[in-house]
Amino acid sequence: MSIFKETKKYITGVKTEAKKVSWPSKKTAIKDSFIVIGISLAAAAFLGGIDFALNEIMKNIAF
């Protein structure tokens, strides 16, 4: 098979699969986005706190 036939077959398959996708509603997408942002900020604050604490410990231990 030629590369053009394979490419056309691939693109047709992608279009077929894209029609099967069920997208969330705008309200759900916004709510889920805020959840992801909130968890990311909480994780950043937690890891930042750990980093700060370990940094202070190392300052007191080192020279």
N, C-alpha and C. Protein backbone atom coordinates (compact mmCIF):
# COMPACT_ATOMS: atom_id res chain seq x y z
N MET A 1 0.83 -1.19 0.00
CA MET A 1 0.00 0.00 0.00
C MET A 1 0.87 1.25 0.00
N SER A 2 0.38 2.26 -0.65
CA SER A 2 1.15 3.49 -0.69
C SER A 2 0.96 4.29 0.59
N ILE A 3 1.86 5.18 0.83
CA ILE A 3 1.80 6.01 2.03
C ILE A 3 0.55 6.89 2.02
N PHE A 4 0.09 7.29 0.83
CA PHE A 4 -1.09 8.15 0.74
C PHE A 4 -2.36 7.40 1.15
N LYS A 5 -2.46 6.13 0.75
CA LYS A 5 -3.62 5.32 1.14
C LYS A 5 -3.62 5.07 2.64
N GLU A 6 -2.44 4.81 3.19
CA GLU A 6 -2.31 4.58 4.64
C GLU A 6 -2.68 5.84 5.41
N THR A 7 -2.22 6.98 4.92
CA THR A 7 -2.53 8.26 5.57
C THR A 7 -4.03 8.53 5.53
N LYS A 8 -4.66 8.28 4.38
CA LYS A 8 -6.10 8.49 4.25
C LYS A 8 -6.85 7.55 5.19
N LYS A 9 -6.41 6.31 5.28
CA LYS A 9 -7.04 5.34 6.16
C LYS A 9 -6.91 5.78 7.63
N TYR A 10 -5.73 6.29 7.99
CA TYR A 10 -5.50 6.77 9.35
C TYR A 10 -6.41 7.95 9.68
N ILE A 11 -6.48 8.93 8.78
CA ILE A 11 -7.29 10.12 9.01
C ILE A 11 -8.78 9.75 9.10
N THR A 12 -9.22 8.83 8.26
CA THR A 12 -10.61 8.36 8.33
C THR A 12 -10.88 7.72 9.69
N GLY A 13 -9.94 6.92 10.17
CA GLY A 13 -10.09 6.29 11.48
C GLY A 13 -10.14 7.32 12.60
N VAL A 14 -9.32 8.34 12.51
CA VAL A 14 -9.31 9.39 13.53
C VAL A 14 -10.65 10.12 13.54
N LYS A 15 -11.18 10.44 12.37
CA LYS A 15 -12.47 11.12 12.29
C LYS A 15 -13.58 10.25 12.89
N THR A 16 -13.54 8.97 12.59
CA THR A 16 -14.55 8.05 13.12
C THR A 16 -14.49 8.00 14.64
N GLU A 17 -13.30 7.90 15.20
CA GLU A 17 -13.14 7.84 16.65
C GLU A 17 -13.49 9.17 17.31
N ALA A 18 -13.18 10.28 16.65
CA ALA A 18 -13.49 11.60 17.21
C ALA A 18 -14.99 11.81 17.35
N LYS A 19 -15.77 11.18 16.48
CA LYS A 19 -17.24 11.30 16.57
C LYS A 19 -17.79 10.56 17.79
N LYS A 20 -17.01 9.60 18.31
CA LYS A 20 -17.46 8.80 19.45
C LYS A 20 -17.17 9.47 20.80
N VAL A 21 -16.39 10.53 20.79
CA VAL A 21 -16.00 11.20 22.03
C VAL A 21 -17.19 11.91 22.64
N SER A 22 -17.37 11.73 23.94
CA SER A 22 -18.43 12.48 24.63
C SER A 22 -17.76 13.55 25.49
N TRP A 23 -17.94 14.79 25.10
CA TRP A 23 -17.31 15.90 25.80
C TRP A 23 -18.14 16.28 27.01
N PRO A 24 -17.48 16.71 28.10
CA PRO A 24 -18.24 17.14 29.28
C PRO A 24 -18.92 18.48 29.01
N SER A 25 -19.92 18.77 29.82
CA SER A 25 -20.59 20.06 29.68
C SER A 25 -19.63 21.17 30.15
N LYS A 26 -19.96 22.39 29.81
CA LYS A 26 -19.13 23.52 30.21
C LYS A 26 -19.05 23.61 31.73
N LYS A 27 -20.17 23.39 32.40
CA LYS A 27 -20.21 23.45 33.87
C LYS A 27 -19.29 22.39 34.48
N THR A 28 -19.35 21.18 33.95
CA THR A 28 -18.50 20.09 34.46
C THR A 28 -17.02 20.38 34.19
N ALA A 29 -16.71 20.88 33.01
CA ALA A 29 -15.33 21.18 32.67
C ALA A 29 -14.76 22.26 33.58
N ILE A 30 -15.55 23.29 33.88
CA ILE A 30 -15.10 24.37 34.76
C ILE A 30 -14.90 23.84 36.17
N LYS A 31 -15.87 23.06 36.66
CA LYS A 31 -15.78 22.50 38.01
C LYS A 31 -14.53 21.61 38.14
N ASP A 32 -14.32 20.73 37.16
CA ASP A 32 -13.16 19.84 37.20
C ASP A 32 -11.85 20.62 37.10
N SER A 33 -11.86 21.70 36.32
CA SER A 33 -10.66 22.53 36.20
C SER A 33 -10.30 23.16 37.54
N PHE A 34 -11.31 23.67 38.26
CA PHE A 34 -11.05 24.26 39.57
C PHE A 34 -10.55 23.21 40.57
N ILE A 35 -11.06 22.01 40.46
CA ILE A 35 -10.58 20.93 41.34
C ILE A 35 -9.11 20.65 41.07
N VAL A 36 -8.74 20.55 39.79
CA VAL A 36 -7.34 20.29 39.43
C VAL A 36 -6.45 21.43 39.89
N ILE A 37 -6.88 22.67 39.69
CA ILE A 37 -6.09 23.83 40.12
C ILE A 37 -5.94 23.83 41.64
N GLY A 38 -7.02 23.54 42.35
CA GLY A 38 -6.97 23.50 43.82
C GLY A 38 -6.01 22.44 44.33
N ILE A 39 -6.10 21.25 43.77
CA ILE A 39 -5.20 20.17 44.20
C ILE A 39 -3.76 20.51 43.86
N SER A 40 -3.54 21.11 42.70
CA SER A 40 -2.18 21.52 42.31
C SER A 40 -1.61 22.55 43.27
N LEU A 41 -2.44 23.54 43.65
CA LEU A 41 -1.98 24.56 44.60
C LEU A 41 -1.69 23.95 45.98
N ALA A 42 -2.55 23.03 46.41
CA ALA A 42 -2.33 22.36 47.70
C ALA A 42 -1.05 21.54 47.68
N ALA A 43 -0.81 20.82 46.60
CA ALA A 43 0.41 20.03 46.48
C ALA A 43 1.64 20.93 46.44
N ALA A 44 1.54 22.06 45.73
CA ALA A 44 2.66 23.00 45.66
C ALA A 44 2.96 23.59 47.03
N ALA A 45 1.91 23.94 47.77
CA ALA A 45 2.11 24.50 49.11
C ALA A 45 2.73 23.46 50.04
N PHE A 46 2.24 22.24 49.96
CA PHE A 46 2.77 21.17 50.79
C PHE A 46 4.25 20.92 50.48
N LEU A 47 4.57 20.76 49.21
CA LEU A 47 5.96 20.49 48.83
C LEU A 47 6.86 21.69 49.12
N GLY A 48 6.32 22.90 48.94
CA GLY A 48 7.08 24.10 49.28
C GLY A 48 7.37 24.16 50.77
N GLY A 49 6.39 23.78 51.58
CA GLY A 49 6.60 23.75 53.04
C GLY A 49 7.64 22.72 53.44
N ILE A 50 7.58 21.55 52.84
CA ILE A 50 8.58 20.51 53.11
C ILE A 50 9.97 21.00 52.70
N ASP A 51 10.05 21.61 51.53
CA ASP A 51 11.34 22.12 51.04
C ASP A 51 11.89 23.19 51.99
N PHE A 52 11.02 24.09 52.42
CA PHE A 52 11.46 25.14 53.33
C PHE A 52 11.95 24.55 54.65
N ALA A 53 11.19 23.60 55.20
CA ALA A 53 11.56 22.99 56.47
C ALA A 53 12.89 22.24 56.36
N LEU A 54 13.05 21.47 55.30
CA LEU A 54 14.30 20.73 55.12
C LEU A 54 15.47 21.68 54.89
N ASN A 55 15.22 22.78 54.20
CA ASN A 55 16.26 23.78 53.96
C ASN A 55 16.71 24.40 55.29
N GLU A 56 15.75 24.71 56.16
CA GLU A 56 16.09 25.27 57.46
C GLU A 56 16.86 24.27 58.33
N ILE A 57 16.46 23.03 58.26
CA ILE A 57 17.15 21.98 59.01
C ILE A 57 18.60 21.86 58.53
N MET A 58 18.77 21.87 57.22
CA MET A 58 20.12 21.74 56.65
C MET A 58 20.99 22.96 57.01
N LYS A 59 20.38 24.15 57.06
CA LYS A 59 21.14 25.34 57.46
C LYS A 59 21.65 25.20 58.87
N ASN A 60 20.83 24.63 59.78
CA ASN A 60 21.23 24.47 61.16
C ASN A 60 22.24 23.35 61.36
N ILE A 61 22.21 22.35 60.52
CA ILE A 61 23.14 21.22 60.63
C ILE A 61 24.48 21.59 60.00
N ALA A 62 24.43 22.18 58.83
CA ALA A 62 25.67 22.49 58.08
C ALA A 62 26.38 23.67 58.73
N PHE A 63 27.63 23.64 58.70
CA PHE A 63 28.58 24.65 59.19
C PHE A 63 27.86 25.81 59.78
